[in-house]
C-alpha atoms as a PDB file:
ATOM      1  CA  MET A   1      99.067 118.722  88.864  1.00  0.00           C
ATOM      2  CA  ALA A   2     102.789 117.975  88.601  1.00  0.00           C
ATOM      3  CA  VAL A   3     102.057 114.390  87.541  1.00  0.00           C
ATOM      4  CA  ILE A   4      99.631 115.564  84.851  1.00  0.00           C
ATOM      5  CA  VAL A   5     102.146 118.054  83.424  1.00  0.00           C
ATOM      6  CA  SER A   6     105.009 115.534  83.624  1.00  0.00           C
ATOM      7  CA  VAL A   7     103.059 112.806  81.831  1.00  0.00           C
ATOM      8  CA  ALA A   8     101.792 115.287  79.232  1.00  0.00           C
ATOM      9  CA  PHE A   9     105.357 116.479  78.632  1.00  0.00           C
ATOM     10  CA  THR A  10     106.530 112.931  77.829  1.00  0.00           C
ATOM     11  CA  ARG A  11     104.155 112.887  74.865  1.00  0.00           C
ATOM     12  CA  LEU A  12     105.830 116.009  73.486  1.00  0.00           C
ATOM     13  CA  LEU A  13     109.323 114.505  73.553  1.00  0.00           C
ATOM     14  CA  PRO A  14     110.537 112.420  70.602  1.00  0.00           C
ATOM     15  CA  HIS A  15     109.495 108.811  71.217  1.00  0.00           C
ATOM     16  CA  TRP A  16     108.462 105.619  69.481  1.00  0.00           C
ATOM     17  CA  PRO A  17     104.742 105.567  68.687  1.00  0.00           C
ATOM     18  CA  ASN A  18     102.725 104.912  71.862  1.00  0.00           C
ATOM     19  CA  PHE A  19     105.881 104.510  73.990  1.00  0.00           C
ATOM     20  CA  THR A  20     104.841 106.918  76.739  1.00  0.00           C
ATOM     21  CA  PRO A  21     103.812 106.440  80.379  1.00  0.00           C
ATOM     22  CA  VAL A  22     100.167 107.440  79.815  1.00  0.00           C
ATOM     23  CA  MET A  23      98.728 103.916  79.894  1.00  0.00           C
ATOM     24  CA  ALA A  24     100.970 102.929  82.816  1.00  0.00           C
ATOM     25  CA  VAL A  25      99.715 105.960  84.749  1.00  0.00           C
ATOM     26  CA  ALA A  26      96.130 104.967  83.914  1.00  0.00           C
ATOM     27  CA  LEU A  27      96.676 101.332  84.916  1.00  0.00           C
ATOM     28  CA  CYS A  28      98.613 102.111  88.105  1.00  0.00           C
ATOM     29  CA  GLY A  29      96.298 104.989  88.961  1.00  0.00           C
ATOM     30  CA  GLY A  30      93.442 102.528  88.851  1.00  0.00           C
ATOM     31  CA  LEU A  31      95.383 100.064  90.979  1.00  0.00           C
ATOM     32  CA  LEU A  32      96.364 102.665  93.581  1.00  0.00           C
ATOM     33  CA  TYR A  33      93.421 105.061  93.786  1.00  0.00           C
ATOM     34  CA  SER A  34      89.766 104.257  94.282  1.00  0.00           C
ATOM     35  CA  ASP A  35      88.589 107.772  93.460  1.00  0.00           C
ATOM     36  CA  ARG A  36      88.342 109.826  90.289  1.00  0.00           C
ATOM     37  CA  ARG A  37      92.091 110.604  90.254  1.00  0.00           C
ATOM     38  CA  SER A  38      92.581 107.268  88.525  1.00  0.00           C
ATOM     39  CA  TYR A  39      90.715 108.727  85.534  1.00  0.00           C
ATOM     40  CA  VAL A  40      91.453 112.441  85.838  1.00  0.00           C
ATOM     41  CA  VAL A  41      95.260 112.275  85.868  1.00  0.00           C
ATOM     42  CA  PRO A  42      95.822 110.285  82.639  1.00  0.00           C
ATOM     43  CA  LEU A  43      92.926 111.915  80.776  1.00  0.00           C
ATOM     44  CA  MET A  44      94.019 115.440  81.693  1.00  0.00           C
ATOM     45  CA  ALA A  45      97.580 114.550  80.636  1.00  0.00           C
ATOM     46  CA  MET A  46      96.214 113.423  77.260  1.00  0.00           C
ATOM     47  CA  ILE A  47      94.065 116.523  76.815  1.00  0.00           C
ATOM     48  CA  LEU A  48      96.865 118.885  77.848  1.00  0.00           C
ATOM     49  CA  SER A  49      99.401 117.241  75.554  1.00  0.00           C
ATOM     50  CA  ASP A  50      96.920 117.087  72.653  1.00  0.00           C
ATOM     51  CA  ILE A  51      96.328 120.830  73.013  1.00  0.00           C
ATOM     52  CA  ALA A  52     100.080 121.477  73.139  1.00  0.00           C
ATOM     53  CA  MET A  53     100.634 119.311  70.044  1.00  0.00           C
ATOM     54  CA  GLY A  54      97.840 121.184  68.301  1.00  0.00           C
ATOM     55  CA  PHE A  55      99.633 124.475  68.901  1.00  0.00           C
ATOM     56  CA  ALA A  56     103.038 123.046  67.988  1.00  0.00           C
ATOM     57  CA  PHE A  57     102.233 120.802  65.033  1.00  0.00           C
ATOM     58  CA  GLY A  58      98.769 121.748  63.783  1.00  0.00           C
ATOM     59  CA  ILE A  59      95.147 121.370  64.741  1.00  0.00           C
ATOM     60  CA  GLU A  60      94.954 117.781  63.430  1.00  0.00           C
ATOM     61  CA  TYR A  61      96.994 116.739  66.471  1.00  0.00           C
ATOM     62  CA  ALA A  62      94.517 118.390  68.836  1.00  0.00           C
ATOM     63  CA  LEU A  63      91.334 117.294  67.054  1.00  0.00           C
ATOM     64  CA  HIS A  64      91.063 114.071  65.090  1.00  0.00           C
ATOM     65  CA  SER A  65      88.345 111.548  64.333  1.00  0.00           C
ATOM     66  CA  THR A  66      89.686 108.838  66.638  1.00  0.00           C
ATOM     67  CA  GLN A  67      90.492 111.057  69.611  1.00  0.00           C
ATOM     68  CA  LEU A  68      87.487 110.040  71.712  1.00  0.00           C
ATOM     69  CA  TYR A  69      88.373 106.380  71.156  1.00  0.00           C
ATOM     70  CA  VAL A  70      91.904 107.039  72.405  1.00  0.00           C
ATOM     71  CA  TYR A  71      90.521 108.761  75.502  1.00  0.00           C
ATOM     72  CA  ALA A  72      88.086 105.879  76.008  1.00  0.00           C
ATOM     73  CA  CYS A  73      91.016 103.441  75.922  1.00  0.00           C
ATOM     74  CA  VAL A  74      92.814 105.470  78.585  1.00  0.00           C
ATOM     75  CA  ALA A  75      89.679 105.511  80.756  1.00  0.00           C
ATOM     76  CA  ALA A  76      89.151 101.778  80.177  1.00  0.00           C
ATOM     77  CA  THR A  77      92.727 101.117  81.284  1.00  0.00           C
ATOM     78  CA  ALA A  78      92.099 103.073  84.498  1.00  0.00           C
ATOM     79  CA  PHE A  79      88.895 101.065  84.985  1.00  0.00           C
ATOM     80  CA  LEU A  80      90.857  97.857  84.436  1.00  0.00           C
ATOM     81  CA  GLY A  81      93.355  98.967  87.073  1.00  0.00           C
ATOM     82  CA  ARG A  82      90.540  99.733  89.506  1.00  0.00           C
ATOM     83  CA  SER A  83      89.011  96.322  88.814  1.00  0.00           C
ATOM     84  CA  MET A  84      92.352  94.705  89.646  1.00  0.00           C
ATOM     85  CA  SER A  85      93.053  96.829  92.738  1.00  0.00           C
ATOM     86  CA  SER A  86      93.011  93.816  95.049  1.00  0.00           C
ATOM     87  CA  MET A  87      95.734  92.155  92.926  1.00  0.00           C
ATOM     88  CA  LYS A  88      98.688  94.548  93.227  1.00  0.00           C
ATOM     89  CA  THR A  89     101.242  92.103  91.852  1.00  0.00           C
ATOM     90  CA  THR A  90     103.753  92.158  89.036  1.00  0.00           C
ATOM     91  CA  ALA A  91     101.651  89.572  87.215  1.00  0.00           C
ATOM     92  CA  ALA A  92      98.543  91.755  87.499  1.00  0.00           C
ATOM     93  CA  VAL A  93     100.403  94.758  86.103  1.00  0.00           C
ATOM     94  CA  GLY A  94     101.790  92.564  83.333  1.00  0.00           C
ATOM     95  CA  LEU A  95      98.391  91.183  82.388  1.00  0.00           C
ATOM     96  CA  GLY A  96      96.842  94.643  82.657  1.00  0.00           C
ATOM     97  CA  GLY A  97      99.554  96.053  80.401  1.00  0.00           C
ATOM     98  CA  LEU A  98      99.013  93.297  77.869  1.00  0.00           C
ATOM     99  CA  ALA A  99      95.226  93.709  77.932  1.00  0.00           C
ATOM    100  CA  SER A 100      95.388  97.500  77.659  1.00  0.00           C
ATOM    101  CA  GLY A 101      97.921  97.359  74.807  1.00  0.00           C
ATOM    102  CA  ILE A 102      95.891  94.871  72.804  1.00  0.00           C
ATOM    103  CA  GLY A 103      92.656  96.713  73.566  1.00  0.00           C
ATOM    104  CA  PHE A 104      94.169 100.040  72.489  1.00  0.00           C
ATOM    105  CA  PHE A 105      95.372  98.519  69.217  1.00  0.00           C
ATOM    106  CA  LEU A 106      92.037  96.851  68.421  1.00  0.00           C
ATOM    107  CA  ILE A 107      89.852  99.826  69.369  1.00  0.00           C
ATOM    108  CA  THR A 108      91.878 102.618  67.772  1.00  0.00           C
ATOM    109  CA  ASN A 109      92.439 100.729  64.534  1.00  0.00           C
ATOM    110  CA  ALA A 110      88.738  99.859  64.373  1.00  0.00           C
ATOM    111  CA  ALA A 111      88.034 103.579  64.834  1.00  0.00           C
ATOM    112  CA  VAL A 112      90.340 104.436  61.924  1.00  0.00           C
ATOM    113  CA  TRP A 113      88.476 101.896  59.801  1.00  0.00           C
ATOM    114  CA  LEU A 114      85.049 103.114  60.957  1.00  0.00           C
ATOM    115  CA  HIS A 115      85.650 106.842  60.486  1.00  0.00           C
ATOM    116  CA  GLY A 116      88.069 106.785  57.588  1.00  0.00           C
ATOM    117  CA  SER A 117      87.682 106.230  53.884  1.00  0.00           C
ATOM    118  CA  MET A 118      90.950 104.379  53.314  1.00  0.00           C
ATOM    119  CA  TYR A 119      89.425 100.929  53.915  1.00  0.00           C
ATOM    120  CA  PRO A 120      86.075  99.524  52.773  1.00  0.00           C
ATOM    121  CA  HIS A 121      83.565  99.135  55.576  1.00  0.00           C
ATOM    122  CA  THR A 122      83.588  95.360  55.386  1.00  0.00           C
ATOM    123  CA  ILE A 123      85.220  92.637  57.470  1.00  0.00           C
ATOM    124  CA  ASP A 124      87.983  92.460  54.855  1.00  0.00           C
ATOM    125  CA  GLY A 125      88.485  96.214  55.184  1.00  0.00           C
ATOM    126  CA  LEU A 126      88.716  95.955  58.967  1.00  0.00           C
ATOM    127  CA  LEU A 127      91.242  93.126  58.702  1.00  0.00           C
ATOM    128  CA  ALA A 128      93.259  95.163  56.195  1.00  0.00           C
ATOM    129  CA  CYS A 129      93.233  98.073  58.639  1.00  0.00           C
ATOM    130  CA  TYR A 130      94.519  95.822  61.427  1.00  0.00           C
ATOM    131  CA  GLY A 131      97.188  94.480  59.074  1.00  0.00           C
ATOM    132  CA  ALA A 132      98.294  98.010  58.245  1.00  0.00           C
ATOM    133  CA  GLY A 133      98.366  98.789  61.966  1.00  0.00           C
ATOM    134  CA  LEU A 134     100.719  95.871  62.569  1.00  0.00           C
ATOM    135  CA  ALA A 135     102.879  96.952  59.631  1.00  0.00           C
ATOM    136  CA  PHE A 136     103.035 100.448  61.147  1.00  0.00           C
ATOM    137  CA  TYR A 137     104.485  98.968  64.330  1.00  0.00           C
ATOM    138  CA  ARG A 138     106.900  96.801  62.351  1.00  0.00           C
ATOM    139  CA  ASP A 139     108.249  99.888  60.598  1.00  0.00           C
ATOM    140  CA  SER A 140     108.381 102.115  63.690  1.00  0.00           C
ATOM    141  CA  GLY A 141     109.205  99.793  66.529  1.00  0.00           C
ATOM    142  CA  ASN A 142     107.214  96.807  67.618  1.00  0.00           C
ATOM    143  CA  PHE A 143     103.660  96.343  68.880  1.00  0.00           C
ATOM    144  CA  LEU A 144     104.760  94.477  72.008  1.00  0.00           C
ATOM    145  CA  LEU A 145     107.604  96.898  72.715  1.00  0.00           C
ATOM    146  CA  ASN A 146     105.681 100.077  72.041  1.00  0.00           C
ATOM    147  CA  GLY A 147     102.223  99.309  73.341  1.00  0.00           C
ATOM    148  CA  VAL A 148     102.729  96.658  75.981  1.00  0.00           C
ATOM    149  CA  VAL A 149     106.309  96.666  77.265  1.00  0.00           C
ATOM    150  CA  SER A 150     106.212 100.445  77.672  1.00  0.00           C
ATOM    151  CA  THR A 151     103.238 100.026  80.030  1.00  0.00           C
ATOM    152  CA  TRP A 152     105.121  97.381  82.019  1.00  0.00           C
ATOM    153  CA  LEU A 153     108.308  99.453  82.072  1.00  0.00           C
ATOM    154  CA  PHE A 154     106.682 102.689  83.171  1.00  0.00           C
ATOM    155  CA  ALA A 155     104.428 100.848  85.643  1.00  0.00           C
ATOM    156  CA  SER A 156     107.483  99.337  87.313  1.00  0.00           C
ATOM    157  CA  VAL A 157     108.898 102.848  87.749  1.00  0.00           C
ATOM    158  CA  ILE A 158     105.614 104.084  89.217  1.00  0.00           C
END
């Protein structure tokens, strides 16, 4: 329970977008545990922190159209870790961090495109959504730093 609360708390602190230990906990949880803890810990941390953000900042932080996709990315990262459990090396964590970061970006931006009205539901609209996603990272950090390096960094601490 302490790990869940600690990881949830990091999402409430000021941070660069997606620069939290959630994905590292999912990846390393999958690498280290062969039971449901690998899924439960990061997902409960997400749910707990989403509820807290809903109370603190408004319901749109607790309930949004892409939320299930975000949770699916966390679960997929835990699954990836479990799939790599025989390869507990720095390279495996690095590749897992890269794969989970890229997967998160592709899936969540596709969800914004699919459920939103900002972009036409065409291939050009999807590409524009991905372009805007990259621009978001350019203006608020960096895709590799925020989404990938944070997973590597926090995984090395774990």
